[in-house]
N, C-alpha and C. Protein backbone atom coordinates (compact mmCIF):
# COMPACT_ATOMS: atom_id res chain seq x y z
N MET A 1 -1.10 4.75 1.49
CA MET A 1 -0.65 3.32 1.52
C MET A 1 -0.89 2.94 0.04
N ILE A 2 0.27 2.27 -0.49
CA ILE A 2 -0.18 1.66 -1.93
C ILE A 2 -0.54 0.28 -1.85
N VAL A 3 -1.62 -0.10 -2.52
CA VAL A 3 -2.15 -1.41 -2.41
C VAL A 3 -2.19 -1.82 -3.93
N ILE A 4 -1.53 -2.99 -4.28
CA ILE A 4 -1.46 -3.55 -5.52
C ILE A 4 -2.37 -4.87 -5.45
N THR A 5 -2.91 -5.31 -6.66
CA THR A 5 -3.46 -6.67 -6.64
C THR A 5 -2.98 -7.58 -7.73
N VAL A 6 -2.50 -8.62 -7.48
CA VAL A 6 -1.93 -9.60 -8.54
C VAL A 6 -2.67 -10.98 -8.36
N THR A 7 -2.75 -11.60 -9.50
CA THR A 7 -3.33 -12.93 -9.39
C THR A 7 -2.13 -13.82 -8.90
N SER A 8 -2.70 -15.06 -8.33
CA SER A 8 -1.77 -16.01 -7.71
C SER A 8 -0.75 -16.59 -8.56
N THR A 9 -0.92 -16.50 -9.91
CA THR A 9 0.06 -16.93 -11.12
C THR A 9 1.10 -15.76 -11.00
N GLU A 10 0.65 -14.56 -11.21
CA GLU A 10 1.54 -13.45 -11.15
C GLU A 10 2.42 -13.37 -10.10
N GLY A 11 1.68 -13.74 -8.88
CA GLY A 11 2.44 -13.72 -7.55
C GLY A 11 3.67 -14.56 -7.56
N VAL A 12 3.29 -15.83 -8.08
CA VAL A 12 4.40 -16.90 -8.03
C VAL A 12 5.48 -16.54 -9.06
N ASN A 13 5.18 -16.03 -10.06
CA ASN A 13 6.21 -15.73 -11.23
C ASN A 13 7.00 -14.45 -10.87
N SER A 14 6.45 -13.59 -9.94
CA SER A 14 7.29 -12.34 -9.57
C SER A 14 7.38 -12.11 -8.17
N PHE A 15 7.47 -13.16 -7.40
CA PHE A 15 7.29 -13.20 -5.87
C PHE A 15 8.53 -12.16 -5.33
N HIS A 16 9.92 -12.41 -5.93
CA HIS A 16 11.00 -11.48 -5.43
C HIS A 16 10.64 -10.13 -5.67
N LYS A 17 10.04 -9.67 -6.85
CA LYS A 17 9.70 -8.16 -7.11
C LYS A 17 8.70 -7.85 -6.12
N LEU A 18 7.63 -8.74 -5.91
CA LEU A 18 6.58 -8.20 -5.03
C LEU A 18 7.07 -7.99 -3.59
N LEU A 19 8.05 -8.92 -3.09
CA LEU A 19 8.71 -8.89 -1.67
C LEU A 19 9.39 -7.47 -1.65
N GLU A 20 10.08 -7.07 -2.83
CA GLU A 20 10.74 -5.86 -2.69
C GLU A 20 9.84 -4.55 -2.54
N ARG A 21 8.66 -4.64 -3.11
CA ARG A 21 7.48 -3.63 -2.98
C ARG A 21 7.01 -3.62 -1.67
N VAL A 22 6.88 -4.80 -1.03
CA VAL A 22 6.34 -4.90 0.25
C VAL A 22 7.40 -4.32 1.39
N GLU A 23 8.55 -4.62 1.22
CA GLU A 23 9.60 -4.13 1.90
C GLU A 23 9.76 -2.46 1.98
N GLN A 24 9.15 -1.92 0.76
CA GLN A 24 9.13 -0.48 0.52
C GLN A 24 7.90 0.11 1.27
N GLY A 25 7.00 -0.81 1.91
CA GLY A 25 5.87 -0.21 2.44
C GLY A 25 4.48 -0.57 1.90
N GLU A 26 4.55 -1.16 0.63
CA GLU A 26 3.43 -1.35 -0.04
C GLU A 26 2.79 -2.67 0.41
N THR A 27 1.37 -2.80 0.13
CA THR A 27 0.75 -4.10 0.41
C THR A 27 0.41 -4.68 -0.91
N VAL A 28 0.37 -6.09 -1.08
CA VAL A 28 0.02 -6.80 -2.18
C VAL A 28 -1.05 -7.83 -1.94
N ARG A 29 -2.09 -7.61 -2.58
CA ARG A 29 -3.26 -8.60 -2.37
C ARG A 29 -3.19 -9.54 -3.43
N ILE A 30 -3.45 -10.72 -3.23
CA ILE A 30 -3.30 -11.89 -4.09
C ILE A 30 -4.71 -12.45 -4.42
N SER A 31 -5.00 -12.56 -5.48
CA SER A 31 -6.25 -12.95 -6.05
C SER A 31 -6.21 -14.48 -6.85
N LYS A 32 -7.30 -15.17 -6.42
CA LYS A 32 -7.41 -16.35 -7.24
C LYS A 32 -8.94 -16.34 -7.73
N HIS A 33 -9.00 -16.65 -9.03
CA HIS A 33 -10.36 -16.78 -9.62
C HIS A 33 -11.15 -15.55 -9.31
N GLY A 34 -10.58 -14.16 -9.31
CA GLY A 34 -11.15 -13.08 -9.12
C GLY A 34 -11.70 -12.60 -7.56
N ARG A 35 -11.17 -13.48 -6.59
CA ARG A 35 -11.22 -13.04 -5.37
C ARG A 35 -10.09 -12.99 -4.59
N VAL A 36 -9.89 -11.93 -3.69
CA VAL A 36 -8.61 -11.76 -2.93
C VAL A 36 -8.59 -12.86 -1.78
N ARG A 37 -7.60 -13.56 -1.93
CA ARG A 37 -7.30 -14.71 -1.03
C ARG A 37 -6.20 -14.51 0.15
N ALA A 38 -5.32 -13.54 -0.17
CA ALA A 38 -4.14 -13.22 0.80
C ALA A 38 -3.57 -11.85 0.66
N ARG A 39 -2.97 -11.42 1.57
CA ARG A 39 -2.26 -10.08 1.64
C ARG A 39 -0.73 -10.29 1.89
N LEU A 40 0.05 -9.66 1.24
CA LEU A 40 1.56 -9.41 1.65
C LEU A 40 1.77 -8.20 2.22
N VAL A 41 1.91 -8.02 3.55
CA VAL A 41 2.09 -6.76 4.10
C VAL A 41 3.52 -6.47 4.76
N PRO A 42 3.93 -5.33 5.05
CA PRO A 42 5.24 -5.08 5.74
C PRO A 42 5.27 -5.72 7.05
N ASP A 43 6.33 -6.42 7.32
CA ASP A 43 6.54 -6.89 8.76
C ASP A 43 7.41 -6.02 9.58
N CYS A 44 7.05 -5.80 10.89
CA CYS A 44 7.66 -4.88 11.74
C CYS A 44 9.07 -5.30 12.00
N ASP A 45 9.36 -6.50 11.87
CA ASP A 45 10.84 -6.85 12.31
C ASP A 45 12.02 -6.22 11.64
N PHE A 46 11.63 -5.74 10.27
CA PHE A 46 12.90 -5.17 9.56
C PHE A 46 12.82 -3.75 9.66
N MET A 47 11.82 -3.13 10.30
CA MET A 47 11.62 -1.53 10.37
C MET A 47 11.19 -1.22 11.90
N SER A 48 11.34 0.18 12.07
CA SER A 48 11.01 0.61 13.43
C SER A 48 9.45 0.62 13.58
N SER A 49 8.96 0.40 14.77
CA SER A 49 7.61 0.54 15.06
C SER A 49 6.89 1.81 14.47
N LYS A 50 7.63 2.98 14.72
CA LYS A 50 7.13 4.25 14.25
C LYS A 50 6.93 4.27 12.74
N GLU A 51 7.90 3.50 11.94
CA GLU A 51 7.68 3.37 10.47
C GLU A 51 6.54 2.58 10.10
N VAL A 52 6.38 1.38 10.76
CA VAL A 52 5.15 0.59 10.71
C VAL A 52 3.90 1.35 10.90
N ALA A 53 3.83 2.09 12.09
CA ALA A 53 2.66 2.93 12.38
C ALA A 53 2.31 3.98 11.21
N ARG A 54 3.48 4.45 10.54
CA ARG A 54 3.26 5.55 9.53
C ARG A 54 2.53 4.75 8.35
N ILE A 55 3.20 3.68 8.05
CA ILE A 55 2.58 3.02 6.74
C ILE A 55 1.16 2.52 6.93
N PHE A 56 0.84 2.02 8.21
CA PHE A 56 -0.55 1.52 8.36
C PHE A 56 -1.47 2.54 8.85
N ALA A 57 -1.08 3.95 9.13
CA ALA A 57 -1.83 4.86 9.68
C ALA A 57 -3.30 5.17 8.75
N GLY A 58 -2.98 5.12 7.48
CA GLY A 58 -4.15 5.32 6.67
C GLY A 58 -4.87 4.14 6.12
N TYR A 59 -4.43 3.06 6.54
CA TYR A 59 -5.03 1.69 6.23
C TYR A 59 -6.57 1.70 6.20
N GLN A 60 -7.15 1.24 5.10
CA GLN A 60 -8.75 1.26 4.96
C GLN A 60 -8.97 -0.26 4.63
N ALA A 61 -9.45 -0.81 5.67
CA ALA A 61 -9.80 -2.31 5.37
C ALA A 61 -11.24 -2.49 4.45
N ASP A 62 -11.26 -3.53 4.02
CA ASP A 62 -12.48 -4.07 3.29
C ASP A 62 -13.58 -3.77 4.43
N PRO A 63 -14.77 -3.17 3.85
CA PRO A 63 -15.90 -3.13 4.86
C PRO A 63 -16.27 -4.40 5.36
N LEU A 64 -16.16 -5.53 4.49
CA LEU A 64 -16.58 -6.88 4.84
C LEU A 64 -15.56 -7.55 5.74
N ASP A 65 -14.48 -6.89 6.15
CA ASP A 65 -13.25 -7.49 6.69
C ASP A 65 -13.03 -6.74 8.04
N GLN A 66 -14.17 -6.56 8.85
CA GLN A 66 -13.94 -5.86 9.96
C GLN A 66 -12.91 -6.36 11.10
N ALA A 67 -12.79 -7.70 11.02
CA ALA A 67 -11.95 -8.26 12.08
C ALA A 67 -10.37 -8.11 11.57
N THR A 68 -10.15 -7.99 10.37
CA THR A 68 -8.83 -7.45 10.00
C THR A 68 -8.53 -6.06 10.43
N ALA A 69 -9.54 -5.21 10.12
CA ALA A 69 -9.36 -3.70 10.48
C ALA A 69 -9.13 -3.60 12.02
N GLU A 70 -9.85 -4.37 12.86
CA GLU A 70 -9.50 -4.17 14.23
C GLU A 70 -8.28 -4.90 14.62
N ALA A 71 -7.84 -5.81 14.07
CA ALA A 71 -6.70 -6.47 14.31
C ALA A 71 -5.27 -5.49 13.93
N VAL A 72 -5.61 -4.89 12.80
CA VAL A 72 -4.51 -3.79 12.55
C VAL A 72 -4.53 -2.76 13.45
N ALA A 73 -5.70 -2.22 13.83
CA ALA A 73 -5.70 -1.02 14.75
C ALA A 73 -5.11 -1.48 16.11
N ALA A 74 -5.41 -2.75 16.56
CA ALA A 74 -4.74 -3.07 17.81
C ALA A 74 -3.21 -3.20 17.67
N ASN A 75 -2.82 -3.71 16.36
CA ASN A 75 -1.31 -3.68 16.36
C ASN A 75 -0.78 -2.40 16.15
N ILE A 76 -1.27 -1.48 15.56
CA ILE A 76 -0.82 -0.17 15.52
C ILE A 76 -0.70 0.41 16.94
N LYS A 77 -1.71 0.35 17.74
CA LYS A 77 -1.74 0.65 19.12
C LYS A 77 -0.64 0.16 19.87
N GLY A 78 -0.37 -1.14 19.74
CA GLY A 78 0.53 -1.76 20.43
C GLY A 78 1.94 -1.18 19.96
N LEU A 79 2.32 -1.06 18.88
CA LEU A 79 3.55 -0.55 18.21
C LEU A 79 3.66 0.93 18.68
N ASP A 80 2.64 1.52 18.89
CA ASP A 80 2.74 3.07 19.36
C ASP A 80 3.18 3.16 20.89
N GLN A 81 2.48 2.06 21.56
CA GLN A 81 2.84 1.89 23.03
C GLN A 81 4.24 1.50 23.31
N GLU A 82 4.69 0.65 22.51
CA GLU A 82 5.93 -0.07 22.59
C GLU A 82 7.16 1.19 22.30
N ALA A 83 6.86 1.92 21.17
CA ALA A 83 7.64 2.99 20.94
C ALA A 83 7.81 4.05 22.00
N ASP A 84 6.45 4.29 22.56
CA ASP A 84 6.66 5.16 23.81
C ASP A 84 7.37 4.71 25.00
N GLU A 85 7.23 3.54 25.26
CA GLU A 85 8.00 2.84 26.29
C GLU A 85 9.31 2.73 26.14
N THR A 86 9.80 2.47 24.96
CA THR A 86 11.16 2.43 24.62
C THR A 86 11.85 3.87 24.84
N LEU A 87 11.10 4.84 24.34
CA LEU A 87 11.75 6.28 24.55
C LEU A 87 11.59 6.78 25.87
N ALA A 88 10.75 6.22 26.69
CA ALA A 88 10.69 6.52 28.19
C ALA A 88 11.98 6.06 28.91
N HIS A 89 12.42 4.87 28.39
CA HIS A 89 13.65 4.44 29.08
C HIS A 89 15.00 4.98 28.79
């Protein structure tokens, strides 16, 4: 997974370009005063759950952000279950 970091000013000035990158599966980290404050990540509403699971399969959370890592893992597990249930019908 590709992760890029931009400053909040850069994010404001090039939001449409960053959104295009996120739609392609990249993650954008937005920093302010040298500290990451937010992330733009792909949303599963515009792609299949299998595609989302593929994108996030190699996700490595910041060691200090265990809650985020657990939330991502739970979402991936849920998407995998959703895909399996859909295929079973």
